[in-house]
Each structure stands twice: as C-alpha cells, then as structure tokens.
C-alpha cells in the first residue's frame, strides 16, 4: 500500500500568481479546481500501483467530505494512495487535501480540509477491456484496517446496485411517503381546503438549470482524444452550486459529494449537456408518518440541498446523445426551503436523493466511529432501516 503513496505541495500561500487561479469571487479556495487536481492526483497514484503497461480511467467518485473548511489562502498538501485493490480491474484511491505545515512541523487532524475517494479501472490499451491489476499488500495493522474499510465499502456499493430504483421498486415506507406527498399536492389545489402551497415550497421542475458547451482540446486527458474526468467533475460541481444558489437565493456551503458515476467518455470536440436539479431537501416536505418536520432552530433554519447533475454528450453533428454520468452534491443554506416532486420520474429522483442523504449520514458517523464494532453496528442499523 505504501508504494502507491504520492504527495504534492501546492504553494498557494507563497505564489500569488498560482493562487490567483485557485481563488473564487469571495476570495476563498475554488473547490471545483481542487476537485480537478484530485482526479489528476488519483491518476498518478494508480499508475504507481499498476505500472505503465495499462490504461486507467476514472469510473466513479465515491465520496468527497469536507472535514475542516479553510478560511484563508495557504499552502496545501495533496496526498493519496491506493486503499483497496482485490486483484481485479478496479481500485479505490483515497486522497486528502490538508494545510501544508513547515518542514519538520508535525501535521494535525484539524489541518485536513477534505478527503475523497475515487474508483479507477484498469483497461487494456488496445482492446479497451478491463484487465486485472496486482492485489494490494498490507504491511501494518493500520493498512489492514484501511483495506478492510475499503473492502466493506466495495460490498456496500454492490448491494446498493442491486437495490437501485432502476432494479427494484421503492420499498413500503418510501411508497407510503410518495402517496402522502401526492395527497398534499391535491390538498394544495383543492378549492374546498384552506391549505395552500407555501411560498417556500418549489416544484422540482422549476429548480432545473442547464448548460451546453463544446469540449476543447485544452481539457483532454493523457490519452489525447477524451476529456479529462477532473474537468467534467469541476463543471458539474460549479453548475450544482449555481443551482443551489438560484433555488435558495442564498450562498450555499458545500458539504459532500455522494457517489458520482462516469458512464461514457466525453470526446474532444463533442457537445456536453449538463442539467442540475434540486432533488431533495432536508428537512423534507413531509416525514414518512405524514407530519411536517421542524427545524432544530426555527429562528435560524438550515436546510440541506441535494443537487443531482445529469450529464450527456453528442457529437457536433448532434447524433445520438449518450449519458456520460450522474453527479450528486449536497450543500447547506441558511433558509427554510423545500422541493416538491410532481411526476413519477421526479418522485424517483426524490427517493434516490433521499437514500443518498441517509447513506451519507451513516458513512459520516462511520468515519467518526472509534471502533470497528461501532462502524459495523451503524451499517447493520442502516440495512435494517432499508
């Protein structure tokens, strides 16, 4: 595991010319650019594990979590390593961004800005088919612990794929929730009812924002003909941010990125279409029992927004559109706002986003858990709730 470790210092605090390319309009670090760097870092890490004889591509962004937000511009330390590889074609790469300390000065847990995990897949350069890579060898108890966590996450992803809404219908509590929201919609429009749709409840279809852009060669990957996955990630994140800001009329704070998939490559010269939608809000419109949830502090409400970005690509001649991925981001805003689905497709987006938010909460508690037993109990409790 240690052989794949790679570390880079980004001297933002010492180089004003470099820092200018990483600063957003408020003077803080531009996270989209950081995400692009992390995808590039994961590529370096994975080639240190596989060697140069294979082609590797980003299959998914498993999770990004903000640990300690930065409030100033400073030197950053990027680090990453392969944390799970069973000997098949896929590998999990874990990366961290932290405040860079001076040489010889020990790092502290509060220095970590964010952590993220990518799934990379090794392909044969000629046939473009998956090829097996060397399994990961653990030499310390800490590496064994990290490997077991990666193995557990791999099993969780396989289970989630089997219970996806594309494979199975919503479960009983979810179906009941859909029915209760539908009844609430009818009540809003019933002339015999005093209940009317509040101004802070917005139809899901009204939250969408879309973009279209030509993919230029400046953003190609090392294989020359396809767009770099990190650029794709940056574009979807920044559109999700705009969608959240437009919906809430407030500046969103990024919390996490939930599993994002890269389904098809994006060729240089193609047209990339992105559509961002507010798919879920927490607190939601209604709870499973039909009650209206309340904020912990009604005077200072905080709402979590789950933004889904759907991506597709066409060639310039506008042939058949291919889906290139689905990207999921969670933000918080200092507002009491809610989204309301109407069509069956919107209800499925709502339930899918709700599952992702719940799973993200469990994963966060697992990351904070001090023992393996506590982490397993959290996973078991979540499985029973499903």
Protein backbone atom coordinates (compact mmCIF):
# COMPACT_ATOMS: atom_id res chain seq x y z
CA UNK A 1 0.00 0.00 0.00
CA UNK A 2 2.78 2.42 0.88
CA UNK A 3 4.37 2.04 -2.58
CA UNK A 4 1.48 3.90 -4.21
CA UNK A 5 1.64 6.87 -1.82
CA UNK A 6 2.16 10.24 -3.52
CA UNK A 7 2.41 13.72 -2.02
CA UNK A 8 2.45 17.17 -3.65
CA UNK A 9 2.73 20.65 -2.12
CA UNK A 10 0.68 23.40 -3.79
CA UNK A 11 2.32 26.71 -2.75
CA UNK A 12 -0.78 28.91 -2.83
CA UNK A 13 0.35 30.92 0.17
CA UNK A 14 3.76 31.69 -1.34
CA UNK A 15 2.89 32.13 -5.02
CA UNK A 16 0.32 34.89 -5.71
CA UNK A 17 0.29 34.10 -9.45
CA UNK A 18 -0.64 30.49 -8.77
CA UNK A 19 -3.14 31.33 -6.03
CA UNK A 20 -4.95 33.70 -8.40
CA UNK A 21 -6.05 30.67 -10.46
CA UNK A 22 -7.48 28.95 -7.36
CA UNK A 23 -9.45 31.83 -5.81
CA UNK A 24 -13.20 32.28 -6.24
CA UNK A 25 -15.22 35.52 -6.24
CA UNK A 26 -15.34 35.67 -2.42
CA UNK A 27 -11.58 35.28 -2.02
CA UNK A 28 -11.70 31.66 -0.87
CA UNK A 29 -10.32 28.47 -2.41
CA UNK A 30 -12.22 27.39 -5.53
CA UNK A 31 -13.27 23.83 -4.74
CA UNK A 32 -14.01 22.87 -8.34
CA UNK A 33 -10.35 23.42 -9.25
CA UNK A 34 -9.27 21.37 -6.22
CA UNK A 35 -11.51 18.50 -7.38
CA UNK A 36 -9.88 18.64 -10.80
CA UNK A 37 -6.44 18.39 -9.18
CA UNK A 38 -7.52 15.42 -7.07
CA UNK A 39 -8.63 13.45 -10.11
CA UNK A 40 -5.20 14.08 -11.63
CA UNK A 41 -3.54 13.01 -8.37
CA UNK A 42 -5.53 9.76 -8.32
CA UNK A 43 -4.22 9.06 -11.82
CA UNK A 44 -0.62 9.41 -10.60
CA UNK A 45 -1.32 7.18 -7.60
CA UNK A 46 -2.96 4.43 -9.62
CA UNK A 47 -0.09 4.27 -12.14
CA UNK A 48 2.36 3.84 -9.26
CA UNK A 49 0.36 0.72 -8.36
CA UNK A 50 -0.32 -0.71 -11.83
CA UNK A 51 2.79 0.35 -13.73
CA UNK A 52 2.76 1.93 -17.22
CA UNK A 53 1.53 -1.12 -19.14
CA UNK A 54 -2.20 -0.43 -18.70
CA UNK A 55 -4.62 2.40 -19.37
CA UNK A 56 -6.58 3.65 -16.35
CA UNK A 57 -9.82 5.64 -16.31
CA UNK A 58 -11.94 7.18 -13.56
CA UNK A 59 -15.03 5.01 -13.09
CA UNK A 60 -16.59 6.85 -10.15
CA UNK A 61 -16.12 9.46 -7.49
CA UNK A 62 -17.22 7.57 -4.39
CA UNK A 63 -17.33 10.41 -1.88
CA UNK A 64 -15.93 13.83 -1.02
CA UNK A 65 -16.31 15.07 2.55
CA UNK A 66 -15.36 18.47 3.94
CA UNK A 67 -13.56 17.98 7.25
CA UNK A 68 -12.37 21.48 8.21
CA UNK A 69 -13.20 24.36 5.82
CA UNK A 70 -10.32 26.71 5.04
CA UNK A 71 -10.80 30.35 5.96
CA UNK A 72 -7.55 31.64 4.46
CA UNK A 73 -5.27 31.12 1.49
CA UNK A 74 -2.30 28.93 2.46
CA UNK A 75 -0.01 26.25 1.06
CA UNK A 76 -1.87 22.97 0.52
CA UNK A 77 -0.64 19.40 0.70
CA UNK A 78 -2.22 16.87 -1.65
CA UNK A 79 -1.67 13.22 -0.76
CA UNK A 80 -3.14 9.95 -1.94
CA UNK A 81 -2.67 6.18 -2.10
CA UNK A 82 -4.43 3.04 -3.25
CA UNK A 83 -6.52 1.84 -0.30
CA UNK A 84 -8.29 -1.15 -1.84
CA UNK A 85 -7.43 -3.46 -4.74
CA UNK A 86 -8.58 -7.07 -4.71
CA UNK A 87 -6.64 -8.11 -7.81
CA UNK A 88 -9.49 -7.43 -10.24
CA UNK A 89 -9.58 -4.43 -12.56
CA UNK A 90 -10.91 -1.79 -10.13
CA UNK A 91 -9.05 0.07 -7.39
CA UNK A 92 -10.06 2.53 -4.66
CA UNK A 93 -7.84 5.60 -4.30
CA UNK A 94 -8.15 7.81 -1.22
CA UNK A 95 -6.88 11.39 -1.42
CA UNK A 96 -6.58 14.15 1.15
CA UNK A 97 -6.13 17.90 0.98
CA UNK A 98 -4.56 19.47 4.07
CA UNK A 99 -2.90 22.65 5.21
CA UNK A 100 0.82 22.25 4.46
CA UNK A 101 2.99 22.62 7.55
CA UNK A 102 6.59 23.80 7.50
CA UNK A 103 9.29 21.16 7.07
CA UNK A 104 9.72 19.21 10.30
CA UNK A 105 6.50 20.54 11.82
CA UNK A 106 4.02 17.71 12.57
CA UNK A 107 0.61 17.82 10.93
CA UNK A 108 -2.58 17.97 12.99
CA UNK A 109 -6.02 16.38 12.39
CA UNK A 110 -7.59 19.83 12.05
CA UNK A 111 -5.26 20.56 9.12
CA UNK A 112 -7.26 18.23 6.85
CA UNK A 113 -9.51 20.24 4.54
CA UNK A 114 -11.24 17.36 2.76
CA UNK A 115 -10.99 13.68 1.92
CA UNK A 116 -12.17 11.96 -1.23
CA UNK A 117 -12.27 8.51 -2.77
CA UNK A 118 -12.14 7.57 -6.45
CA UNK A 119 -12.71 4.23 -8.14
CA UNK A 120 -10.28 3.71 -11.03
CA UNK A 121 -10.43 0.89 -13.57
CA UNK A 122 -7.50 -0.61 -15.49
CA UNK A 123 -8.04 -1.29 -19.21
CA UNK A 124 -6.03 -2.97 -21.92
CA UNK A 125 -4.64 -0.12 -24.11
CA UNK A 126 -5.51 -1.99 -27.32
CA UNK A 127 -8.82 -3.74 -26.63
CA UNK A 128 -10.10 -1.23 -24.02
CA UNK A 129 -11.33 -4.19 -21.95
CA UNK A 130 -10.78 -4.47 -18.16
CA UNK A 131 -7.58 -6.18 -17.06
CA UNK A 132 -6.56 -7.46 -13.62
CA UNK A 133 -4.11 -5.47 -11.54
CA UNK A 134 -1.82 -6.58 -8.69
CA UNK A 135 -3.65 -7.05 -5.36
CA UNK A 136 -2.79 -4.69 -2.54
CA UNK A 137 -0.33 -5.93 0.09
CA UNK A 138 -0.76 -4.58 3.63
CA UNK A 139 2.31 -4.50 5.89
CA UNK A 140 0.99 -2.76 9.04
CA UNK A 141 -2.14 -3.06 11.23
CA UNK A 142 -3.20 0.43 10.10
CA UNK A 143 -3.01 -0.62 6.44
CA UNK A 144 -5.04 -3.74 7.28
CA UNK A 145 -7.70 -1.54 8.87
CA UNK A 146 -7.83 0.77 5.85
CA UNK A 147 -8.03 -2.21 3.48
CA UNK A 148 -10.95 -3.74 5.42
CA UNK A 149 -12.81 -0.43 5.28
CA UNK A 150 -12.29 -0.33 1.51
CA UNK A 151 -13.50 -3.92 1.20
CA UNK A 152 -16.64 -3.11 3.22
CA UNK A 153 -17.36 -0.08 1.02
CA UNK A 154 -16.97 -2.22 -2.09
CA UNK A 155 -19.55 -4.70 -0.77
CA UNK A 156 -21.90 -1.83 0.13
CA UNK A 157 -21.70 -0.46 -3.42
CA UNK A 158 -22.55 -3.87 -4.88
CA UNK A 159 -25.53 -4.18 -2.57
CA UNK A 160 -26.71 -0.66 -3.41
CA UNK A 161 -26.61 -1.50 -7.12
CA UNK A 162 -28.96 -4.44 -6.51
CA UNK A 163 -31.47 -2.28 -4.61
CA UNK A 164 -31.25 0.66 -7.03
CA UNK A 165 -34.53 2.15 -8.23
CA UNK A 166 -33.53 1.03 -11.72
CA UNK A 167 -33.62 -2.57 -10.46
CA UNK A 168 -36.40 -2.57 -7.84
CA UNK A 169 -39.43 -0.51 -6.92
CA UNK A 170 -39.48 1.78 -3.84
CA UNK A 171 -39.92 -0.05 -0.54
CA UNK A 172 -43.12 0.18 1.52
CA UNK A 173 -42.20 3.26 3.63
CA UNK A 174 -40.99 5.08 0.50
CA UNK A 175 -44.19 4.22 -1.39
CA UNK A 176 -46.24 5.49 1.55
CA UNK A 177 -44.25 8.74 1.58
CA UNK A 178 -44.83 9.23 -2.16
CA UNK A 179 -48.57 8.78 -1.62
CA UNK A 180 -48.64 11.26 1.28
CA UNK A 181 -46.83 13.92 -0.77
CA UNK A 182 -49.23 13.34 -3.67
CA UNK A 183 -52.20 13.78 -1.33
CA UNK A 184 -50.66 17.01 -0.01
CA UNK A 185 -50.38 18.29 -3.61
CA UNK A 186 -54.08 17.58 -4.16
CA UNK A 187 -54.92 19.41 -0.96
CA UNK A 188 -52.93 22.46 -2.06
CA UNK A 189 -55.16 22.76 -5.17
CA UNK A 190 -58.46 21.75 -3.57
CA UNK A 191 -60.80 24.78 -3.54
CA UNK A 192 -62.59 23.31 -0.51
CA UNK A 193 -59.39 23.19 1.54
CA UNK A 194 -57.86 26.10 3.42
CA UNK A 195 -54.36 24.68 2.87
CA UNK A 196 -52.34 26.40 0.15
CA UNK A 197 -48.85 25.76 -1.17
CA UNK A 198 -46.38 27.82 0.92
CA UNK A 199 -44.07 30.20 -0.98
CA UNK A 200 -41.00 28.28 0.24
CA UNK A 201 -42.19 25.04 -1.44
CA UNK A 202 -40.93 24.93 -5.04
CA UNK A 203 -41.85 22.37 -7.75
CA UNK A 204 -38.82 20.28 -8.71
CA UNK A 205 -39.20 21.16 -12.39
CA UNK A 206 -38.73 24.86 -11.54
CA UNK A 207 -35.32 24.24 -9.95
CA UNK A 208 -33.51 22.99 -13.07
CA UNK A 209 -30.54 24.77 -14.65
CA UNK A 210 -28.91 23.53 -17.86
CA UNK A 211 -25.74 24.27 -19.82
CA UNK A 212 -24.23 23.20 -23.15
CA UNK A 213 -20.56 23.60 -24.06
CA UNK A 214 -18.07 22.38 -26.66
CA UNK A 215 -15.24 20.26 -25.27
CA UNK A 216 -11.94 21.89 -26.23
CA UNK A 217 -8.61 20.04 -26.53
CA UNK A 218 -7.07 22.05 -23.66
CA UNK A 219 -9.04 19.80 -21.28
CA UNK A 220 -8.07 16.46 -22.81
CA UNK A 221 -6.61 13.63 -20.73
CA UNK A 222 -3.30 11.85 -21.25
CA UNK A 223 -4.93 9.57 -23.83
CA UNK A 224 -5.33 12.66 -26.07
CA UNK A 225 -8.81 12.05 -27.53
CA UNK A 226 -11.02 12.23 -24.44
CA UNK A 227 -11.82 14.96 -21.92
CA UNK A 228 -10.13 14.78 -18.52
CA UNK A 229 -12.54 13.44 -15.87
CA UNK A 230 -11.50 16.11 -13.38
CA UNK A 231 -12.69 18.85 -15.74
CA UNK A 232 -16.04 17.05 -16.04
CA UNK A 233 -16.22 16.94 -12.24
CA UNK A 234 -15.43 20.65 -11.89
CA UNK A 235 -18.10 21.64 -14.42
CA UNK A 236 -20.82 19.59 -12.72
CA UNK A 237 -19.88 20.85 -9.26
CA UNK A 238 -20.00 24.51 -10.27
CA UNK A 239 -23.35 24.04 -12.02
CA UNK A 240 -24.69 22.30 -8.88
CA UNK A 241 -23.52 25.28 -6.81
CA UNK A 242 -25.35 27.68 -9.16
CA UNK A 243 -28.49 25.54 -8.98
CA UNK A 244 -28.46 25.53 -5.17
CA UNK A 245 -27.86 29.30 -5.02
CA UNK A 246 -30.65 30.01 -7.52
CA UNK A 247 -33.09 27.80 -5.60
CA UNK A 248 -32.36 29.14 -2.12
CA UNK A 249 -31.47 32.76 -3.01
CA UNK A 250 -28.56 32.35 -0.60
CA UNK A 251 -24.92 31.33 -0.81
CA UNK A 252 -24.64 27.53 -0.42
CA UNK A 253 -21.98 25.82 1.67
CA UNK A 254 -20.62 22.59 0.21
CA UNK A 255 -20.97 19.54 2.49
CA UNK A 256 -20.21 16.44 0.43
CA UNK A 257 -20.25 14.72 -2.93
CA UNK A 258 -22.01 11.38 -2.94
CA UNK A 259 -21.32 8.55 -5.42
CA UNK A 260 -20.88 10.04 -8.90
CA UNK A 261 -20.53 7.78 -11.92
CA UNK A 262 -18.65 8.27 -15.20
CA UNK A 263 -20.64 6.09 -17.63
CA UNK A 264 -19.26 7.05 -21.05
CA UNK A 265 -16.19 9.04 -22.09
CA UNK A 266 -16.52 12.60 -23.40
CA UNK A 267 -14.65 13.02 -26.71
CA UNK A 268 -12.73 16.19 -27.56
CA UNK A 269 -14.89 18.31 -29.88
CA UNK A 270 -18.20 16.94 -28.60
CA UNK A 271 -21.02 18.96 -27.03
CA UNK A 272 -21.55 18.34 -23.31
CA UNK A 273 -25.03 18.93 -21.88
CA UNK A 274 -25.46 19.28 -18.11
CA UNK A 275 -28.74 19.58 -16.20
CA UNK A 276 -28.79 20.30 -12.46
CA UNK A 277 -31.91 19.66 -10.35
CA UNK A 278 -32.71 20.10 -6.66
CA UNK A 279 -33.74 16.51 -5.99
CA UNK A 280 -34.22 16.57 -2.21
CA UNK A 281 -34.26 18.94 0.74
CA UNK A 282 -33.64 18.08 4.39
CA UNK A 283 -35.87 18.74 6.32
CA UNK A 284 -38.19 17.43 3.59
CA UNK A 285 -41.73 18.50 2.76
CA UNK A 286 -43.18 15.61 4.79
CA UNK A 287 -41.88 12.83 7.01
CA UNK A 288 -42.83 9.17 6.49
CA UNK A 289 -45.65 9.47 9.02
CA UNK A 290 -47.14 12.44 7.14
CA UNK A 291 -46.06 15.06 9.69
CA UNK A 292 -44.31 18.30 8.76
CA UNK A 293 -40.70 18.30 10.03
CA UNK A 294 -39.42 21.22 12.07
CA UNK A 295 -36.02 22.87 12.08
CA UNK A 296 -33.92 22.47 15.22
CA UNK A 297 -33.69 26.26 15.42
CA UNK A 298 -36.73 27.81 13.68
CA UNK A 299 -35.26 31.32 14.02
CA UNK A 300 -32.07 30.28 12.20
CA UNK A 301 -33.11 27.47 9.84
CA UNK A 302 -30.52 25.41 7.99
CA UNK A 303 -31.61 23.28 5.03
CA UNK A 304 -29.55 20.67 3.25
CA UNK A 305 -29.98 20.61 -0.53
CA UNK A 306 -29.18 17.52 -2.58
CA UNK A 307 -28.39 18.53 -6.16
CA UNK A 308 -28.33 15.96 -8.94
CA UNK A 309 -26.49 16.78 -12.17
CA UNK A 310 -27.24 14.63 -15.21
CA UNK A 311 -24.67 14.67 -18.00
CA UNK A 312 -24.93 13.62 -21.64
CA UNK A 313 -22.81 14.12 -24.75
CA UNK A 314 -23.40 14.42 -28.50
CA UNK A 315 -21.02 14.90 -31.39
CA UNK A 316 -21.07 18.30 -33.12
CA UNK A 317 -23.42 16.97 -35.81
CA UNK A 318 -25.89 16.20 -33.00
CA UNK A 319 -26.16 12.48 -33.40
CA UNK A 320 -27.45 10.17 -30.70
CA UNK A 321 -26.98 11.51 -27.17
CA UNK A 322 -25.09 9.28 -24.74
CA UNK A 323 -25.34 9.58 -20.95
CA UNK A 324 -21.92 10.32 -19.50
CA UNK A 325 -22.70 10.23 -15.80
CA UNK A 326 -24.76 11.29 -12.83
CA UNK A 327 -23.24 13.55 -10.19
CA UNK A 328 -24.62 14.14 -6.69
CA UNK A 329 -23.72 17.03 -4.40
CA UNK A 330 -25.03 18.14 -1.01
CA UNK A 331 -25.00 21.77 0.17
CA UNK A 332 -26.44 23.63 3.15
CA UNK A 333 -28.18 27.01 3.02
CA UNK A 334 -29.41 29.34 5.81
CA UNK A 335 -33.00 29.21 4.55
CA UNK A 336 -36.19 27.21 5.08
CA UNK A 337 -36.85 25.94 1.55
CA UNK A 338 -38.40 22.72 0.26
CA UNK A 339 -38.69 20.96 -3.08
CA UNK A 340 -41.82 19.14 -4.22
CA UNK A 341 -41.84 16.44 -6.94
CA UNK A 342 -44.82 16.08 -9.29
CA UNK A 343 -44.18 13.45 -11.96
CA UNK A 344 -43.25 9.81 -11.38
CA UNK A 345 -39.71 10.48 -12.67
CA UNK A 346 -39.34 13.32 -10.18
CA UNK A 347 -40.56 11.10 -7.34
CA UNK A 348 -37.89 8.53 -8.24
CA UNK A 349 -35.24 11.28 -8.22
CA UNK A 350 -36.58 12.42 -4.83
CA UNK A 351 -36.41 8.92 -3.31
CA UNK A 352 -32.96 8.24 -4.80
CA UNK A 353 -31.61 11.51 -3.38
CA UNK A 354 -33.23 10.77 -0.01
CA UNK A 355 -31.43 7.41 0.11
CA UNK A 356 -28.13 9.06 -0.75
CA UNK A 357 -28.50 11.64 2.01
CA UNK A 358 -29.34 8.94 4.56
CA UNK A 359 -26.41 6.78 3.43
CA UNK A 360 -24.11 9.80 3.58
CA UNK A 361 -25.14 10.42 7.19
CA UNK A 362 -24.33 6.80 8.07
CA UNK A 363 -20.95 6.98 6.30
CA UNK A 364 -20.09 10.18 8.16
CA UNK A 365 -20.88 8.54 11.52
CA UNK A 366 -18.81 5.52 10.48
CA UNK A 367 -15.86 7.80 9.70
CA UNK A 368 -16.19 9.35 13.15
CA UNK A 369 -16.63 6.00 14.94
CA UNK A 370 -13.71 4.91 17.10
CA UNK A 371 -14.14 1.14 16.82
CA UNK A 372 -14.79 -1.42 14.09
CA UNK A 373 -17.70 -2.80 16.15
CA UNK A 374 -19.39 0.62 16.20
CA UNK A 375 -18.92 1.00 12.43
CA UNK A 376 -20.48 -2.41 11.77
CA UNK A 377 -23.44 -1.62 14.03
CA UNK A 378 -24.13 1.58 12.10
CA UNK A 379 -24.05 -0.35 8.82
CA UNK A 380 -26.36 -3.05 10.19
CA UNK A 381 -28.83 -0.46 11.52
CA UNK A 382 -28.94 1.23 8.12
CA UNK A 383 -29.52 -2.10 6.34
CA UNK A 384 -32.40 -2.90 8.71
CA UNK A 385 -33.94 0.51 8.06
CA UNK A 386 -33.94 -0.24 4.34
